[in-house]
Amino acid sequence: MYTDTEHGLVDIANTLGLKLLPPRKKITIMLIGNHSAGKSSFINWYIEEHVQRTGVAIETQGFSFVTSGRRRESLTGNATLHLYPHFKPLQAMPGVVDYLSTEISTSKQKKFPLVTFVDSPGLVDGDMCYPFDVNESILWLAELCDMVFVFFDPIGQALCKRTLNIVESISSKHPERMRFYLTKADTAGHESDRQRVMMQIVQELCKRPGLNKTGFDMPTIYVPDPSKQIRCVNQIEEVCKDIEKTINQTIQNTLNCLEKDCDTIGDMVDQAIAKDNQARSANMKAYVKGGFLYLITLTLPLAMFFSLMLAMVQESLLVDLLGMDVMELLKFYTSPVKTFWAGVPSDYQLWAGVGLVFITLGLVVLAKWTSRTTTTLSRRQKRQLLDKQEYVRNVVKSKKKNLYSEYLQQTVSDQDL
C-alpha cells in the first residue's frame, strides 16, 4: 500500500520538477575488503545457496548484485542497470558496466527477501590493474547503500592500504553505515593470535584521521562448518541481527520520508502558485508598458502621414470630406511635425527623414522587448496542482499515520497505542 502511495507522490513530484526516487523494497548492503576475505562465502552462507564463486584467488573481479527473485537467473551489466535504474550513473564510469552482474536466487532464508548484497572486487595493493576505477566506483556505490560491511582477513592482506583508504573515505561521510568484522576467525590460530591481529587492525584504523574513533566494534566471524569442531567464538549471528535492525530502521525512515515528501510537494505547489501570480502581474505591467510604447511608435508615422496629406490635398476638399472639427484636430495633431520640418534646412531634410525612420524602428524594437511575457499556468493546470496539493496533504499524509500504526502494532501492544 505504501509503495503505491509513494509512486503516486513520484508522479506528482515529476510534474513539479522535483526528483523523487520511489523507496526500494529492499535494503542494499555492500561488502568490501581485501581478496579472499570471505565476502562471497558470507553471502553464500546467508542465503544458503552457492551463487558466488569462492576461493583464494580473486574470484570477484567486478560488482555482483545478489538479490532474491522468483527463479534462479544471472543478469549482465545492462540488465542489471535496467533492474536497478538508480545505479545508471555507473554507465559514466568507463569499464564498470562490463564487470557488472546480478545473481537472482530463489532463497528465502533469514531476511534475504528484503536484502540486496553488493559483492565488490577484492582489494589489493601493488601492481594489480583493475579494468575500471575501483576506488571511485566503490565510493559512489557507498552513497546509495544502506550498510557497508568491511571484512578484514586475519591471514591475508588485512591492512591493505587500498582498503583502508576507501574505508576512511566512506566512514568520513557515513560512519553510521559502517560495520567492521574480523572474518575467517577460525583460521587465525589461538585466541591470543586473534587478539593480536585485531589490535593491529584497530591501531592501523585509529591512525587514520577519518577513522579516529574512541572504540571499534569488530565481531569475529567465520562461516560455520558442522563437520569441524572449532572452539573459537563465532559472532556471525550478530551480522544477521545488524541486518534485521537496519531493515526495521529503514521502514521507519521510509515512513518519515513519506511525510517529508508530502510537505515538500505541498510547499512546491504553494511556490508554483505564488510564482504564477507574480508572472501574471508582471505580464500585465508588460502589456501596459508595451502598449504605451506601441502607441507612441504609431503616433510619429501617422503624424507624418497626415502632414503629407494636408500638404498635398486641398483644404476645402478635406473640410467637405472630414468636417471642420476633424480638420482642426488634424492640424493640431500635425503641428509639431510641421514645426520640426520647417526648422530643418532643405539640405538635411533627407537625413532627418532617415533619422525619423530609425527612431520609429527603435521604438518598435523597444516596445516589443518591453512587452515580453512569461508563460503562466492555465486555469486547468492551476486547478490540477491545487487538487494534488489537497490530495497529498489530506489523504497521503494521513495515510502515513495509519501505516505507522500498522507498523507499531507488530511490535507493541494495543494498550501502548
Protein backbone atom coordinates (compact mmCIF):
# COMPACT_ATOMS: atom_id res chain seq x y z
CA MET A 1 0.00 0.00 0.00
CA TYR A 2 2.81 2.41 0.83
CA THR A 3 4.63 1.64 -2.40
CA ASP A 4 1.61 2.65 -4.49
CA THR A 5 1.25 5.82 -2.45
CA GLU A 6 4.90 6.77 -2.88
CA HIS A 7 4.83 6.05 -6.60
CA GLY A 8 1.86 8.42 -6.79
CA LEU A 9 3.96 11.02 -4.98
CA VAL A 10 6.76 10.50 -7.50
CA ASP A 11 4.35 11.21 -10.38
CA ILE A 12 3.12 14.39 -8.68
CA ALA A 13 6.70 15.46 -7.90
CA ASN A 14 7.73 14.95 -11.54
CA THR A 15 5.06 17.44 -12.68
CA LEU A 16 6.63 19.97 -10.32
CA GLY A 17 10.18 19.28 -11.48
CA LEU A 18 11.07 17.59 -8.18
CA LYS A 19 13.12 14.41 -8.48
CA LEU A 20 11.94 11.77 -6.01
CA LEU A 21 13.05 8.16 -6.10
CA PRO A 22 10.43 5.63 -5.00
CA PRO A 23 11.57 3.75 -1.89
CA ARG A 24 13.27 0.45 -2.56
CA LYS A 25 11.60 -2.57 -1.07
CA LYS A 26 14.99 -3.96 -0.03
CA ILE A 27 17.99 -2.60 1.81
CA THR A 28 21.32 -2.65 -0.02
CA ILE A 29 24.46 -3.95 1.68
CA MET A 30 27.89 -3.65 0.07
CA LEU A 31 30.73 -5.88 1.17
CA ILE A 32 34.29 -4.59 0.77
CA GLY A 33 37.69 -5.92 1.80
CA ASN A 34 40.86 -7.49 0.51
CA HIS A 35 40.69 -10.51 -1.77
CA SER A 36 39.84 -13.85 -0.13
CA ALA A 37 38.40 -12.02 2.90
CA GLY A 38 35.28 -14.17 2.78
CA LYS A 39 32.80 -11.73 1.24
CA SER A 40 31.38 -14.18 -1.29
CA SER A 41 31.43 -17.03 1.24
CA PHE A 42 29.37 -14.95 3.68
CA ILE A 43 26.74 -14.23 1.00
CA ASN A 44 26.51 -17.94 0.12
CA TRP A 45 26.12 -18.79 3.83
CA TYR A 46 23.49 -16.12 4.45
CA ILE A 47 21.24 -17.18 1.56
CA GLU A 48 22.17 -20.89 1.98
CA GLU A 49 22.86 -21.24 -1.72
CA HIS A 50 26.12 -21.29 -3.67
CA VAL A 51 25.67 -18.37 -6.07
CA GLN A 52 29.05 -16.67 -5.66
CA ARG A 53 32.36 -18.23 -6.58
CA THR A 54 34.74 -18.54 -3.66
CA GLY A 55 38.42 -19.31 -3.34
CA VAL A 56 41.86 -17.99 -2.52
CA ALA A 57 42.20 -16.31 -5.93
CA ILE A 58 40.49 -13.05 -6.82
CA GLU A 59 37.18 -14.59 -7.87
CA THR A 60 35.09 -11.41 -7.82
CA GLN A 61 36.65 -9.05 -10.37
CA GLY A 62 33.63 -6.76 -10.72
CA PHE A 63 30.48 -5.85 -8.82
CA SER A 64 27.96 -8.63 -8.34
CA PHE A 65 24.45 -7.89 -7.05
CA VAL A 66 22.84 -10.81 -5.23
CA THR A 67 19.09 -10.49 -4.75
CA SER A 68 16.01 -12.60 -4.17
CA GLY A 69 13.61 -13.38 -7.01
CA ARG A 70 11.10 -15.81 -8.44
CA ARG A 71 13.61 -18.00 -10.28
CA ARG A 72 17.35 -18.52 -10.49
CA GLU A 73 18.84 -16.21 -13.09
CA SER A 74 22.07 -14.38 -13.94
CA LEU A 75 21.91 -10.89 -15.46
CA THR A 76 24.55 -8.93 -17.37
CA GLY A 77 25.54 -5.32 -16.75
CA ASN A 78 22.89 -3.65 -18.92
CA ALA A 79 20.13 -5.85 -17.50
CA THR A 80 21.39 -5.02 -14.00
CA LEU A 81 21.06 -1.28 -14.63
CA HIS A 82 17.57 -1.87 -16.01
CA LEU A 83 16.70 -3.72 -12.80
CA TYR A 84 18.29 -1.01 -10.63
CA PRO A 85 17.72 2.30 -12.51
CA HIS A 86 19.11 4.35 -9.61
CA PHE A 87 22.53 2.83 -10.40
CA LYS A 88 22.52 4.01 -14.05
CA PRO A 89 25.16 6.74 -13.42
CA LEU A 90 27.65 3.83 -13.30
CA GLN A 91 27.49 3.93 -17.11
CA ALA A 92 29.54 7.13 -16.97
CA MET A 93 32.44 5.23 -15.35
CA PRO A 94 34.50 3.53 -18.10
CA GLY A 95 34.60 -0.26 -17.85
CA VAL A 96 32.24 -0.71 -14.88
CA VAL A 97 29.19 -1.94 -16.81
CA ASP A 98 31.26 -4.70 -18.45
CA TYR A 99 32.10 -6.02 -14.98
CA LEU A 100 28.63 -5.68 -13.52
CA SER A 101 26.29 -8.61 -12.96
CA THR A 102 23.31 -9.76 -10.91
CA GLU A 103 22.64 -13.15 -9.41
CA ILE A 104 18.96 -13.78 -8.67
CA SER A 105 18.30 -16.51 -6.14
CA THR A 106 15.04 -18.09 -5.03
CA SER A 107 16.31 -18.42 -1.46
CA LYS A 108 14.01 -17.24 1.33
CA GLN A 109 16.47 -17.85 4.14
CA LYS A 110 16.82 -15.38 7.01
CA LYS A 111 15.91 -11.86 5.78
CA PHE A 112 17.27 -12.35 2.28
CA PRO A 113 13.97 -11.40 0.51
CA LEU A 114 14.47 -7.90 1.99
CA VAL A 115 18.20 -7.60 1.22
CA THR A 116 20.31 -6.97 -1.87
CA PHE A 117 24.00 -7.74 -1.42
CA VAL A 118 26.67 -5.98 -3.50
CA ASP A 119 29.81 -8.11 -3.68
CA SER A 120 32.75 -5.85 -4.58
CA PRO A 121 36.12 -6.74 -6.17
CA GLY A 122 38.84 -7.98 -3.87
CA LEU A 123 41.16 -5.09 -2.99
CA VAL A 124 44.93 -5.49 -3.22
CA ASP A 125 47.93 -3.21 -3.24
CA GLY A 126 50.85 -3.16 -5.61
CA ASP A 127 50.71 -3.53 -9.38
CA MET A 128 47.22 -5.02 -9.51
CA CYS A 129 45.50 -3.45 -12.55
CA TYR A 130 41.71 -3.22 -12.39
CA PRO A 131 39.65 -2.85 -15.61
CA PHE A 132 37.95 0.24 -14.12
CA ASP A 133 38.46 2.80 -11.37
CA VAL A 134 37.65 0.53 -8.44
CA ASN A 135 38.10 3.24 -5.78
CA GLU A 136 35.73 5.71 -7.47
CA SER A 137 33.06 3.09 -8.18
CA ILE A 138 33.07 1.73 -4.60
CA LEU A 139 32.83 5.23 -3.14
CA TRP A 140 29.95 6.07 -5.50
CA LEU A 141 28.05 2.88 -4.64
CA ALA A 142 28.56 3.51 -0.93
CA GLU A 143 26.47 6.68 -1.28
CA LEU A 144 23.42 4.59 -2.26
CA CYS A 145 23.92 1.62 0.07
CA ASP A 146 22.23 1.30 3.44
CA MET A 147 25.13 -0.60 5.01
CA VAL A 148 28.80 -1.21 4.20
CA PHE A 149 30.39 -4.34 5.63
CA VAL A 150 34.18 -4.23 5.87
CA PHE A 151 35.76 -7.69 6.07
CA PHE A 152 39.30 -7.99 7.43
CA ASP A 153 41.08 -11.26 6.74
CA PRO A 154 43.46 -12.25 9.60
CA ILE A 155 45.72 -14.32 7.33
CA GLY A 156 45.58 -12.17 4.19
CA GLN A 157 46.17 -8.51 3.44
CA ALA A 158 44.01 -7.21 6.28
CA LEU A 159 45.96 -3.96 6.33
CA CYS A 160 45.78 -3.40 2.59
CA LYS A 161 46.28 0.35 2.05
CA ARG A 162 43.73 0.50 -0.73
CA THR A 163 41.10 -0.99 1.60
CA LEU A 164 41.99 1.39 4.42
CA ASN A 165 41.88 4.42 2.11
CA ILE A 166 38.43 3.50 0.82
CA VAL A 167 37.15 2.70 4.32
CA GLU A 168 38.41 6.06 5.58
CA SER A 169 36.69 7.94 2.74
CA ILE A 170 33.34 6.21 3.31
CA SER A 171 33.50 6.48 7.08
CA SER A 172 34.24 10.22 6.97
CA LYS A 173 30.84 10.77 5.27
CA HIS A 174 28.69 7.93 6.54
CA PRO A 175 30.12 6.42 9.73
CA GLU A 176 26.69 5.12 10.74
CA ARG A 177 26.65 2.76 7.75
CA MET A 178 29.99 1.12 8.50
CA ARG A 179 30.35 -2.32 10.11
CA PHE A 180 33.75 -3.94 10.73
CA TYR A 181 34.27 -7.71 11.02
CA LEU A 182 37.28 -9.95 11.50
CA THR A 183 36.47 -12.79 9.10
CA LYS A 184 37.83 -16.33 8.98
CA ALA A 185 38.40 -16.13 12.72
CA ASP A 186 38.64 -19.94 12.87
CA THR A 187 41.87 -19.80 10.84
CA ALA A 188 43.60 -17.17 12.97
CA GLY A 189 45.11 -19.64 15.44
CA HIS A 190 44.69 -19.35 19.20
CA GLU A 191 42.73 -16.65 20.98
CA SER A 192 45.91 -14.69 21.64
CA ASP A 193 46.69 -14.68 17.92
CA ARG A 194 43.24 -13.36 17.08
CA GLN A 195 43.54 -10.62 19.69
CA ARG A 196 46.92 -9.63 18.31
CA VAL A 197 45.55 -9.41 14.75
CA MET A 198 42.57 -7.35 15.93
CA MET A 199 44.84 -4.97 17.81
CA GLN A 200 46.96 -4.46 14.71
CA ILE A 201 43.89 -3.70 12.59
CA VAL A 202 42.38 -1.35 15.17
CA GLN A 203 45.67 0.50 15.65
CA GLU A 204 46.03 0.95 11.90
CA LEU A 205 42.46 2.21 11.62
CA CYS A 206 42.91 4.65 14.50
CA LYS A 207 45.90 6.20 12.76
CA ARG A 208 43.56 7.46 10.04
CA PRO A 209 42.02 10.89 10.76
CA GLY A 210 38.69 9.86 9.27
CA LEU A 211 38.56 6.73 11.45
CA ASN A 212 39.88 8.11 14.72
CA LYS A 213 37.10 6.84 16.97
CA THR A 214 37.11 6.14 20.67
CA GLY A 215 36.49 2.46 20.01
CA PHE A 216 35.66 -0.13 17.36
CA ASP A 217 33.12 -2.91 17.48
CA MET A 218 34.72 -5.69 15.45
CA PRO A 219 32.99 -9.06 15.92
CA THR A 220 34.93 -12.18 14.98
CA ILE A 221 33.03 -14.25 12.44
CA TYR A 222 33.52 -17.29 10.24
CA VAL A 223 31.31 -19.48 8.11
CA PRO A 224 30.35 -22.41 10.37
CA ASP A 225 31.23 -25.92 9.27
CA PRO A 226 29.27 -28.67 11.08
CA SER A 227 31.95 -31.20 10.23
CA LYS A 228 34.59 -29.31 12.23
CA GLN A 229 34.77 -28.72 15.96
CA ILE A 230 36.04 -25.18 16.49
CA ARG A 231 36.28 -23.52 19.90
CA CYS A 232 36.59 -20.03 18.52
CA VAL A 233 33.65 -17.79 19.36
CA ASN A 234 31.58 -17.13 16.23
CA GLN A 235 29.60 -13.86 16.23
CA ILE A 236 28.21 -14.30 12.74
CA GLU A 237 24.68 -14.16 14.14
CA GLU A 238 25.45 -10.57 15.17
CA VAL A 239 25.73 -9.75 11.48
CA CYS A 240 22.22 -11.12 10.92
CA LYS A 241 20.92 -9.02 13.81
CA ASP A 242 22.55 -5.90 12.32
CA ILE A 243 20.84 -6.61 9.01
CA GLU A 244 17.44 -7.13 10.65
CA LYS A 245 17.84 -3.96 12.72
CA THR A 246 18.69 -1.94 9.60
CA ILE A 247 15.63 -3.35 7.80
CA ASN A 248 13.38 -2.21 10.65
CA GLN A 249 15.08 1.18 10.80
CA THR A 250 14.68 1.58 7.05
CA ILE A 251 10.92 1.08 7.39
CA GLN A 252 10.79 3.93 9.91
CA ASN A 253 12.98 6.13 7.73
CA THR A 254 10.79 5.41 4.71
CA LEU A 255 7.63 6.36 6.59
CA ASN A 256 9.29 9.54 7.84
CA CYS A 257 10.43 10.29 4.31
CA LEU A 258 6.82 9.96 3.14
CA GLU A 259 5.76 12.80 5.44
CA LYS A 260 8.74 14.89 4.39
CA ASP A 261 7.93 14.35 0.71
CA CYS A 262 4.31 15.39 1.32
CA ASP A 263 5.43 18.63 2.98
CA THR A 264 7.92 19.31 0.17
CA ILE A 265 5.32 18.77 -2.55
CA GLY A 266 2.76 20.94 -0.70
CA ASP A 267 5.30 23.76 -0.34
CA MET A 268 6.30 23.47 -4.00
CA VAL A 269 2.68 23.80 -5.10
CA ASP A 270 2.38 26.96 -2.98
CA GLN A 271 5.57 28.29 -4.57
CA ALA A 272 4.33 27.41 -8.07
CA ILE A 273 1.02 29.22 -7.49
CA ALA A 274 2.79 32.26 -6.00
CA LYS A 275 5.26 32.31 -8.90
CA ASP A 276 2.40 32.10 -11.38
CA ASN A 277 0.61 35.03 -9.70
CA GLN A 278 3.79 37.11 -9.87
CA ALA A 279 4.19 36.18 -13.54
CA ARG A 280 0.64 37.26 -14.29
CA SER A 281 1.20 40.59 -12.54
CA ALA A 282 4.48 41.12 -14.42
CA ASN A 283 2.75 40.21 -17.71
CA MET A 284 0.04 42.80 -17.08
CA LYS A 285 2.65 45.50 -16.47
CA ALA A 286 4.49 44.39 -19.62
CA TYR A 287 1.28 44.65 -21.63
CA VAL A 288 0.66 48.21 -20.38
CA LYS A 289 4.25 49.37 -21.00
CA GLY A 290 4.40 47.69 -24.40
CA GLY A 291 1.03 49.11 -25.45
CA PHE A 292 2.10 52.61 -24.44
CA LEU A 293 5.31 52.34 -26.45
CA TYR A 294 3.47 50.91 -29.46
CA LEU A 295 1.07 53.89 -29.25
CA ILE A 296 3.99 56.33 -29.26
CA THR A 297 5.57 54.39 -32.12
CA LEU A 298 2.43 54.72 -34.24
CA THR A 299 1.95 58.40 -33.37
CA LEU A 300 5.03 59.61 -35.27
CA PRO A 301 4.39 57.84 -38.64
CA LEU A 302 0.70 58.83 -38.52
CA ALA A 303 1.59 62.45 -37.81
CA MET A 304 3.96 62.46 -40.78
CA PHE A 305 1.32 60.78 -42.99
CA PHE A 306 -1.39 63.33 -42.06
CA SER A 307 1.08 66.22 -42.55
CA LEU A 308 1.83 64.95 -46.01
CA MET A 309 -1.89 64.51 -46.71
CA LEU A 310 -2.69 68.09 -45.60
CA ALA A 311 0.12 69.43 -47.79
CA MET A 312 -0.96 67.51 -50.89
CA VAL A 313 -4.78 67.73 -50.70
CA GLN A 314 -6.77 70.99 -50.88
CA GLU A 315 -8.02 72.11 -47.50
CA SER A 316 -11.58 72.80 -48.78
CA LEU A 317 -11.82 69.24 -50.10
CA LEU A 318 -10.73 67.82 -46.76
CA VAL A 319 -13.20 70.06 -44.91
CA ASP A 320 -16.05 68.82 -47.09
CA LEU A 321 -14.87 65.21 -46.64
CA LEU A 322 -13.98 65.14 -42.92
CA GLY A 323 -15.68 68.16 -41.44
CA MET A 324 -14.26 71.27 -39.76
CA ASP A 325 -13.88 69.71 -36.30
CA VAL A 326 -11.81 66.79 -37.59
CA MET A 327 -9.80 69.16 -39.74
CA GLU A 328 -8.92 71.33 -36.74
CA LEU A 329 -7.94 68.23 -34.79
CA LEU A 330 -5.63 67.04 -37.60
CA LYS A 331 -3.96 70.47 -37.76
CA PHE A 332 -3.35 70.40 -34.04
CA TYR A 333 -2.05 66.81 -34.23
CA THR A 334 0.37 67.53 -37.08
CA SER A 335 1.55 70.97 -35.91
CA PRO A 336 4.65 69.60 -34.01
CA VAL A 337 5.78 67.75 -37.15
CA LYS A 338 5.29 70.84 -39.33
CA THR A 339 7.23 72.96 -36.83
CA PHE A 340 10.05 70.41 -36.73
CA TRP A 341 10.15 70.04 -40.50
CA ALA A 342 10.12 73.81 -41.06
CA GLY A 343 13.15 74.17 -38.80
CA VAL A 344 15.19 71.62 -40.75
CA PRO A 345 17.26 73.09 -43.64
CA SER A 346 16.31 71.71 -47.03
CA ASP A 347 19.74 70.10 -47.44
CA TYR A 348 19.22 67.99 -44.31
CA GLN A 349 15.58 67.05 -44.75
CA LEU A 350 16.50 63.68 -46.29
CA TRP A 351 18.75 62.83 -43.35
CA ALA A 352 16.05 63.97 -40.95
CA GLY A 353 13.58 61.59 -42.66
CA VAL A 354 16.04 58.71 -42.38
CA GLY A 355 16.57 59.59 -38.72
CA LEU A 356 12.83 59.53 -38.06
CA VAL A 357 12.60 56.12 -39.72
CA PHE A 358 15.36 54.74 -37.46
CA ILE A 359 13.73 56.30 -34.40
CA THR A 360 10.46 54.61 -35.35
CA LEU A 361 12.20 51.23 -35.81
CA GLY A 362 13.99 51.66 -32.48
CA LEU A 363 10.69 52.36 -30.75
CA VAL A 364 9.20 49.22 -32.33
CA VAL A 365 12.07 47.09 -31.02
CA LEU A 366 11.84 48.69 -27.57
CA ALA A 367 8.08 48.14 -27.45
CA LYS A 368 8.48 44.51 -28.46
CA TRP A 369 11.20 43.93 -25.83
CA THR A 370 9.20 45.71 -23.11
CA SER A 371 6.04 43.72 -23.83
CA ARG A 372 7.75 40.34 -23.37
CA THR A 373 5.77 37.96 -21.15
CA THR A 374 6.45 34.72 -19.32
CA THR A 375 4.42 31.53 -19.60
CA THR A 376 1.73 31.15 -16.96
CA LEU A 377 -0.39 28.26 -15.80
CA SER A 378 -3.78 27.75 -17.33
CA ARG A 379 -6.80 27.57 -15.08
CA ARG A 380 -6.92 23.83 -15.62
CA GLN A 381 -3.26 23.38 -14.67
CA LYS A 382 -3.66 25.52 -11.55
CA ARG A 383 -6.74 23.56 -10.55
CA GLN A 384 -4.86 20.27 -11.02
CA LEU A 385 -1.99 21.50 -8.84
CA LEU A 386 -4.35 22.56 -6.08
CA ASP A 387 -6.17 19.22 -6.27
CA LYS A 388 -2.87 17.35 -5.99
CA GLN A 389 -1.82 19.50 -3.05
CA GLU A 390 -5.09 18.76 -1.29
CA TYR A 391 -4.67 15.03 -2.02
CA VAL A 392 -1.11 14.98 -0.68
CA ARG A 393 -1.90 16.92 2.50
CA ASN A 394 -5.26 15.40 3.36
CA VAL A 395 -5.03 11.85 2.01
CA VAL A 396 -1.41 10.73 1.69
CA LYS A 397 -0.15 12.40 4.84
CA SER A 398 -2.95 10.94 6.92
CA LYS A 399 -2.24 7.52 5.39
CA LYS A 400 1.29 7.76 6.79
CA LYS A 401 -0.18 7.82 10.31
CA ASN A 402 -2.17 4.66 9.59
CA LEU A 403 0.89 2.94 8.17
CA TYR A 404 2.92 3.89 11.23
CA SER A 405 0.19 2.48 13.47
CA GLU A 406 0.14 -0.78 11.49
CA TYR A 407 3.93 -1.00 11.79
CA LEU A 408 3.93 -0.37 15.54
CA GLN A 409 1.11 -2.86 16.13
CA GLN A 410 3.52 -5.58 15.04
CA THR A 411 5.86 -4.81 17.94
CA VAL A 412 3.92 -3.17 20.79
CA SER A 413 0.61 -3.87 22.45
CA ASP A 414 -2.65 -2.12 21.62
CA GLN A 415 -2.64 -0.73 25.16
CA ASP A 416 0.52 1.27 24.43
CA LEU A 417 -1.03 2.64 21.23
